[in-house]
């Protein structure tokens, strides 16, 4: 016996909260790399420091920035550090 289903037309697919969160870390890195700062403390509201650190590390890896940016956690603070050019 065939199962019943239906397709419901929509104008567009809603954005994913996970995608927008991932995007913010890429934007943070992009802003840091394009700035003249050598180091910066990252503040992101009520997000847990470990979550920020892991997400930034992932964004560094996915963005191919391992040679340009170091993510450091000192206590409960997260820092971005510009790496010297090789």
C-alpha atoms as a PDB file:
ATOM      1  CA  UNK A   1       0.000   0.000   0.000  1.00  0.00           C
ATOM      2  CA  UNK A   2       1.427   3.390  -0.990  1.00  0.00           C
ATOM      3  CA  UNK A   3       1.984   5.974   1.724  1.00  0.00           C
ATOM      4  CA  UNK A   4       0.205   9.311   1.479  1.00  0.00           C
ATOM      5  CA  UNK A   5       2.245  12.480   1.149  1.00  0.00           C
ATOM      6  CA  UNK A   6       1.965  15.958  -0.301  1.00  0.00           C
ATOM      7  CA  UNK A   7       4.309  18.649  -1.548  1.00  0.00           C
ATOM      8  CA  UNK A   8       3.654  22.159  -0.270  1.00  0.00           C
ATOM      9  CA  UNK A   9       4.916  25.025  -2.453  1.00  0.00           C
ATOM     10  CA  UNK A  10       6.927  27.788  -0.733  1.00  0.00           C
ATOM     11  CA  UNK A  11       8.423  31.029  -2.029  1.00  0.00           C
ATOM     12  CA  UNK A  12      11.802  30.393  -0.395  1.00  0.00           C
ATOM     13  CA  UNK A  13      13.510  28.163   2.124  1.00  0.00           C
ATOM     14  CA  UNK A  14      13.923  29.785   5.567  1.00  0.00           C
ATOM     15  CA  UNK A  15      17.498  30.416   6.683  1.00  0.00           C
ATOM     16  CA  UNK A  16      19.081  28.054   9.161  1.00  0.00           C
ATOM     17  CA  UNK A  17      20.116  29.363  12.576  1.00  0.00           C
ATOM     18  CA  UNK A  18      23.151  27.067  12.441  1.00  0.00           C
ATOM     19  CA  UNK A  19      24.270  28.543   9.125  1.00  0.00           C
ATOM     20  CA  UNK A  20      23.982  32.100  10.385  1.00  0.00           C
ATOM     21  CA  UNK A  21      26.016  31.260  13.495  1.00  0.00           C
ATOM     22  CA  UNK A  22      28.702  29.638  11.391  1.00  0.00           C
ATOM     23  CA  UNK A  23      28.694  32.701   9.154  1.00  0.00           C
ATOM     24  CA  UNK A  24      29.325  35.105  12.002  1.00  0.00           C
ATOM     25  CA  UNK A  25      32.631  33.421  12.875  1.00  0.00           C
ATOM     26  CA  UNK A  26      33.775  33.702   9.267  1.00  0.00           C
ATOM     27  CA  UNK A  27      32.814  37.400   9.323  1.00  0.00           C
ATOM     28  CA  UNK A  28      34.776  37.926  12.562  1.00  0.00           C
ATOM     29  CA  UNK A  29      37.865  36.372  10.962  1.00  0.00           C
ATOM     30  CA  UNK A  30      37.395  38.340   7.749  1.00  0.00           C
ATOM     31  CA  UNK A  31      37.181  41.608   9.688  1.00  0.00           C
ATOM     32  CA  UNK A  32      40.256  40.738  11.761  1.00  0.00           C
ATOM     33  CA  UNK A  33      42.362  39.710   8.743  1.00  0.00           C
ATOM     34  CA  UNK A  34      41.425  42.867   6.835  1.00  0.00           C
ATOM     35  CA  UNK A  35      42.180  45.094   9.854  1.00  0.00           C
ATOM     36  CA  UNK A  36      45.586  46.352  10.954  1.00  0.00           C
ATOM     37  CA  UNK A  37      45.276  44.759  14.400  1.00  0.00           C
ATOM     38  CA  UNK A  38      47.955  42.292  15.492  1.00  0.00           C
ATOM     39  CA  UNK A  39      45.765  40.886  18.266  1.00  0.00           C
ATOM     40  CA  UNK A  40      42.150  41.307  19.343  1.00  0.00           C
ATOM     41  CA  UNK A  41      39.920  40.046  22.130  1.00  0.00           C
ATOM     42  CA  UNK A  42      36.684  38.506  20.816  1.00  0.00           C
ATOM     43  CA  UNK A  43      33.481  39.360  22.691  1.00  0.00           C
ATOM     44  CA  UNK A  44      30.252  37.701  21.549  1.00  0.00           C
ATOM     45  CA  UNK A  45      27.537  38.426  24.094  1.00  0.00           C
ATOM     46  CA  UNK A  46      26.341  35.439  26.089  1.00  0.00           C
ATOM     47  CA  UNK A  47      28.028  32.712  24.036  1.00  0.00           C
ATOM     48  CA  UNK A  48      30.216  30.353  26.016  1.00  0.00           C
ATOM     49  CA  UNK A  49      33.957  31.004  25.578  1.00  0.00           C
ATOM     50  CA  UNK A  50      34.686  27.388  24.653  1.00  0.00           C
ATOM     51  CA  UNK A  51      31.981  27.505  21.958  1.00  0.00           C
ATOM     52  CA  UNK A  52      33.501  30.676  20.509  1.00  0.00           C
ATOM     53  CA  UNK A  53      36.985  29.154  20.546  1.00  0.00           C
ATOM     54  CA  UNK A  54      35.964  25.909  18.846  1.00  0.00           C
ATOM     55  CA  UNK A  55      33.832  27.724  16.270  1.00  0.00           C
ATOM     56  CA  UNK A  56      36.633  30.155  15.422  1.00  0.00           C
ATOM     57  CA  UNK A  57      39.145  27.292  15.137  1.00  0.00           C
ATOM     58  CA  UNK A  58      36.783  25.545  12.724  1.00  0.00           C
ATOM     59  CA  UNK A  59      36.314  28.737  10.705  1.00  0.00           C
ATOM     60  CA  UNK A  60      40.109  29.231  10.559  1.00  0.00           C
ATOM     61  CA  UNK A  61      40.557  25.694   9.246  1.00  0.00           C
ATOM     62  CA  UNK A  62      37.693  25.885   6.735  1.00  0.00           C
ATOM     63  CA  UNK A  63      38.735  29.353   5.584  1.00  0.00           C
ATOM     64  CA  UNK A  64      42.333  28.337   4.941  1.00  0.00           C
ATOM     65  CA  UNK A  65      43.641  30.846   7.490  1.00  0.00           C
ATOM     66  CA  UNK A  66      45.917  28.530   9.525  1.00  0.00           C
ATOM     67  CA  UNK A  67      48.983  30.430   8.351  1.00  0.00           C
ATOM     68  CA  UNK A  68      47.431  33.839   9.110  1.00  0.00           C
ATOM     69  CA  UNK A  69      45.437  33.652  12.358  1.00  0.00           C
ATOM     70  CA  UNK A  70      45.907  31.939  15.726  1.00  0.00           C
ATOM     71  CA  UNK A  71      42.973  31.517  18.126  1.00  0.00           C
ATOM     72  CA  UNK A  72      43.994  31.629  21.801  1.00  0.00           C
ATOM     73  CA  UNK A  73      41.949  31.082  24.953  1.00  0.00           C
ATOM     74  CA  UNK A  74      43.278  32.581  28.176  1.00  0.00           C
ATOM     75  CA  UNK A  75      40.988  31.925  31.105  1.00  0.00           C
ATOM     76  CA  UNK A  76      37.520  32.775  29.818  1.00  0.00           C
ATOM     77  CA  UNK A  77      38.778  35.206  27.146  1.00  0.00           C
ATOM     78  CA  UNK A  78      39.256  34.422  23.456  1.00  0.00           C
ATOM     79  CA  UNK A  79      41.867  36.208  21.355  1.00  0.00           C
ATOM     80  CA  UNK A  80      42.751  36.341  17.685  1.00  0.00           C
ATOM     81  CA  UNK A  81      46.450  36.786  16.940  1.00  0.00           C
ATOM     82  CA  UNK A  82      47.885  37.651  13.543  1.00  0.00           C
ATOM     83  CA  UNK A  83      50.695  35.272  12.614  1.00  0.00           C
ATOM     84  CA  UNK A  84      53.879  36.642  11.019  1.00  0.00           C
ATOM     85  CA  UNK A  85      54.178  36.160   7.270  1.00  0.00           C
ATOM     86  CA  UNK A  86      56.528  33.379   6.241  1.00  0.00           C
END
